[in-house]
Amino acid sequence: MLDKINRNLNKLNRTTQNLRMTQNNVRQMTGQGRGGGFGFGGAQRNAGRNNAQPQANEWECKCGQINTTKFCGSCGESPARCVKCLIVVQTAFCPECGEKIETE
């Protein structure tokens, strides 16, 4: 009985290792990671861009992910916003009202 359990655990370990290798291969092929995002569109979205700066409808998370949604696709954080103007801010001070942006 114990031998059967050990064989199953070994199979599970090999399967887990294969899955991790497959995930890493997919990440490399699709450009997932810094600025790539989850899904298969990351490499195409950033293709042809000379810089890593966010475009007008994008924001860059603390983790380095460039996003277009309300929350980061990698870590789930929301963008820094000015508490007065409620606009997404990438700087230490709001460009509209000059309010200092508090970060956690």
C-alpha atoms as a PDB file:
ATOM      1  CA  MET A   1       0.000   0.000   0.000  1.00  0.00           C
ATOM      2  CA  LEU A   2       2.804   2.424   0.911  1.00  0.00           C
ATOM      3  CA  ASP A   3       4.627   1.594  -2.337  1.00  0.00           C
ATOM      4  CA  LYS A   4       1.537   2.476  -4.340  1.00  0.00           C
ATOM      5  CA  ILE A   5       1.235   5.820  -2.553  1.00  0.00           C
ATOM      6  CA  ASN A   6       4.926   6.554  -3.193  1.00  0.00           C
ATOM      7  CA  ARG A   7       4.546   5.713  -6.899  1.00  0.00           C
ATOM      8  CA  ASN A   8       1.536   8.042  -7.143  1.00  0.00           C
ATOM      9  CA  LEU A   9       3.416  10.823  -5.372  1.00  0.00           C
ATOM     10  CA  ASN A  10       6.335  10.413  -7.768  1.00  0.00           C
ATOM     11  CA  LYS A  11       3.946  10.616 -10.738  1.00  0.00           C
ATOM     12  CA  LEU A  12       2.371  13.727  -9.252  1.00  0.00           C
ATOM     13  CA  ASN A  13       5.784  15.340  -8.734  1.00  0.00           C
ATOM     14  CA  ARG A  14       6.801  14.614 -12.345  1.00  0.00           C
ATOM     15  CA  THR A  15       3.492  15.995 -13.608  1.00  0.00           C
ATOM     16  CA  THR A  16       3.949  19.153 -11.517  1.00  0.00           C
ATOM     17  CA  GLN A  17       7.473  19.641 -12.869  1.00  0.00           C
ATOM     18  CA  ASN A  18       6.245  19.200 -16.441  1.00  0.00           C
ATOM     19  CA  LEU A  19       3.454  21.701 -15.833  1.00  0.00           C
ATOM     20  CA  ARG A  20       5.916  24.285 -14.488  1.00  0.00           C
ATOM     21  CA  MET A  21       8.165  23.805 -17.516  1.00  0.00           C
ATOM     22  CA  THR A  22       5.165  24.213 -19.823  1.00  0.00           C
ATOM     23  CA  GLN A  23       4.064  27.385 -17.997  1.00  0.00           C
ATOM     24  CA  ASN A  24       7.562  28.860 -18.321  1.00  0.00           C
ATOM     25  CA  ASN A  25       7.627  28.030 -22.045  1.00  0.00           C
ATOM     26  CA  VAL A  26       4.234  29.690 -22.549  1.00  0.00           C
ATOM     27  CA  ARG A  27       5.393  32.783 -20.656  1.00  0.00           C
ATOM     28  CA  GLN A  28       8.475  33.061 -22.852  1.00  0.00           C
ATOM     29  CA  MET A  29       6.524  32.572 -26.084  1.00  0.00           C
ATOM     30  CA  THR A  30       3.722  35.009 -25.233  1.00  0.00           C
ATOM     31  CA  GLY A  31       5.762  37.751 -23.591  1.00  0.00           C
ATOM     32  CA  GLN A  32       4.050  37.316 -20.226  1.00  0.00           C
ATOM     33  CA  GLY A  33       5.916  39.026 -17.415  1.00  0.00           C
ATOM     34  CA  ARG A  34       7.099  42.616 -17.096  1.00  0.00           C
ATOM     35  CA  GLY A  35       4.791  44.592 -19.305  1.00  0.00           C
ATOM     36  CA  GLY A  36       3.443  41.472 -21.031  1.00  0.00           C
ATOM     37  CA  GLY A  37       0.374  40.711 -18.977  1.00  0.00           C
ATOM     38  CA  PHE A  38      -1.632  37.551 -18.779  1.00  0.00           C
ATOM     39  CA  GLY A  39      -2.998  36.078 -21.947  1.00  0.00           C
ATOM     40  CA  PHE A  40      -1.682  35.863 -25.458  1.00  0.00           C
ATOM     41  CA  GLY A  41      -1.834  39.545 -26.413  1.00  0.00           C
ATOM     42  CA  GLY A  42       1.040  40.927 -24.360  1.00  0.00           C
ATOM     43  CA  ALA A  43       3.788  40.506 -26.917  1.00  0.00           C
ATOM     44  CA  GLN A  44       1.703  41.993 -29.711  1.00  0.00           C
ATOM     45  CA  ARG A  45       0.499  44.920 -27.589  1.00  0.00           C
ATOM     46  CA  ASN A  46       4.061  45.983 -26.778  1.00  0.00           C
ATOM     47  CA  ALA A  47       5.464  45.267 -30.257  1.00  0.00           C
ATOM     48  CA  GLY A  48       6.705  48.366 -32.001  1.00  0.00           C
ATOM     49  CA  ARG A  49       6.889  50.470 -28.850  1.00  0.00           C
ATOM     50  CA  ASN A  50      10.247  52.144 -28.371  1.00  0.00           C
ATOM     51  CA  ASN A  51       9.766  52.752 -24.663  1.00  0.00           C
ATOM     52  CA  ALA A  52       8.131  51.072 -21.705  1.00  0.00           C
ATOM     53  CA  GLN A  53       6.116  54.151 -20.763  1.00  0.00           C
ATOM     54  CA  PRO A  54       2.349  53.695 -20.514  1.00  0.00           C
ATOM     55  CA  GLN A  55       0.217  55.215 -23.267  1.00  0.00           C
ATOM     56  CA  ALA A  56      -2.704  57.580 -22.556  1.00  0.00           C
ATOM     57  CA  ASN A  57      -5.181  54.835 -21.612  1.00  0.00           C
ATOM     58  CA  GLU A  58      -2.618  52.709 -19.754  1.00  0.00           C
ATOM     59  CA  TRP A  59      -1.018  52.818 -16.326  1.00  0.00           C
ATOM     60  CA  GLU A  60       2.047  51.082 -14.922  1.00  0.00           C
ATOM     61  CA  CYS A  61       1.698  49.146 -11.677  1.00  0.00           C
ATOM     62  CA  LYS A  62       4.341  49.030  -8.938  1.00  0.00           C
ATOM     63  CA  CYS A  63       5.111  45.466 -10.082  1.00  0.00           C
ATOM     64  CA  GLY A  64       6.009  46.744 -13.571  1.00  0.00           C
ATOM     65  CA  GLN A  65       2.909  45.476 -15.395  1.00  0.00           C
ATOM     66  CA  ILE A  66       1.360  47.930 -17.894  1.00  0.00           C
ATOM     67  CA  ASN A  67      -2.451  47.789 -17.627  1.00  0.00           C
ATOM     68  CA  THR A  68      -5.571  49.236 -19.246  1.00  0.00           C
ATOM     69  CA  THR A  69      -8.063  47.943 -16.660  1.00  0.00           C
ATOM     70  CA  LYS A  70      -9.003  49.141 -13.161  1.00  0.00           C
ATOM     71  CA  PHE A  71      -6.784  46.525 -11.501  1.00  0.00           C
ATOM     72  CA  CYS A  72      -3.353  45.118 -12.325  1.00  0.00           C
ATOM     73  CA  GLY A  73      -3.494  41.845 -14.262  1.00  0.00           C
ATOM     74  CA  SER A  74      -0.441  40.506 -12.415  1.00  0.00           C
ATOM     75  CA  CYS A  75      -0.853  41.480  -8.780  1.00  0.00           C
ATOM     76  CA  GLY A  76      -4.396  42.892  -8.467  1.00  0.00           C
ATOM     77  CA  GLU A  77      -3.360  46.366  -7.265  1.00  0.00           C
ATOM     78  CA  SER A  78      -5.323  49.408  -8.369  1.00  0.00           C
ATOM     79  CA  PRO A  79      -3.558  52.481  -9.808  1.00  0.00           C
ATOM     80  CA  ALA A  80      -2.558  55.475  -7.681  1.00  0.00           C
ATOM     81  CA  ARG A  81      -5.239  58.167  -7.899  1.00  0.00           C
ATOM     82  CA  CYS A  82      -5.429  61.746  -6.743  1.00  0.00           C
ATOM     83  CA  VAL A  83      -7.946  61.927  -3.877  1.00  0.00           C
ATOM     84  CA  LYS A  84      -9.225  65.318  -5.078  1.00  0.00           C
ATOM     85  CA  CYS A  85      -9.337  64.856  -8.875  1.00  0.00           C
ATOM     86  CA  LEU A  86      -9.759  61.042  -8.923  1.00  0.00           C
ATOM     87  CA  ILE A  87      -7.446  60.744 -11.928  1.00  0.00           C
ATOM     88  CA  VAL A  88      -4.808  58.032 -12.313  1.00  0.00           C
ATOM     89  CA  VAL A  89      -1.436  59.540 -11.439  1.00  0.00           C
ATOM     90  CA  GLN A  90       2.028  58.199 -12.310  1.00  0.00           C
ATOM     91  CA  THR A  91       3.926  60.938 -10.474  1.00  0.00           C
ATOM     92  CA  ALA A  92       4.424  61.993  -6.853  1.00  0.00           C
ATOM     93  CA  PHE A  93       2.120  65.007  -7.313  1.00  0.00           C
ATOM     94  CA  CYS A  94      -1.180  65.373  -9.167  1.00  0.00           C
ATOM     95  CA  PRO A  95      -0.662  67.252 -12.458  1.00  0.00           C
ATOM     96  CA  GLU A  96      -4.156  68.821 -12.160  1.00  0.00           C
ATOM     97  CA  CYS A  97      -4.240  70.168  -8.586  1.00  0.00           C
ATOM     98  CA  GLY A  98      -0.718  69.627  -7.219  1.00  0.00           C
ATOM     99  CA  GLU A  99      -1.891  67.327  -4.410  1.00  0.00           C
ATOM    100  CA  LYS A 100       0.830  64.993  -3.060  1.00  0.00           C
ATOM    101  CA  ILE A 101      -0.016  61.391  -3.960  1.00  0.00           C
ATOM    102  CA  GLU A 102       0.142  59.081  -0.970  1.00  0.00           C
ATOM    103  CA  THR A 103       1.488  55.617  -1.687  1.00  0.00           C
ATOM    104  CA  GLU A 104       1.318  52.631   0.587  1.00  0.00           C
END
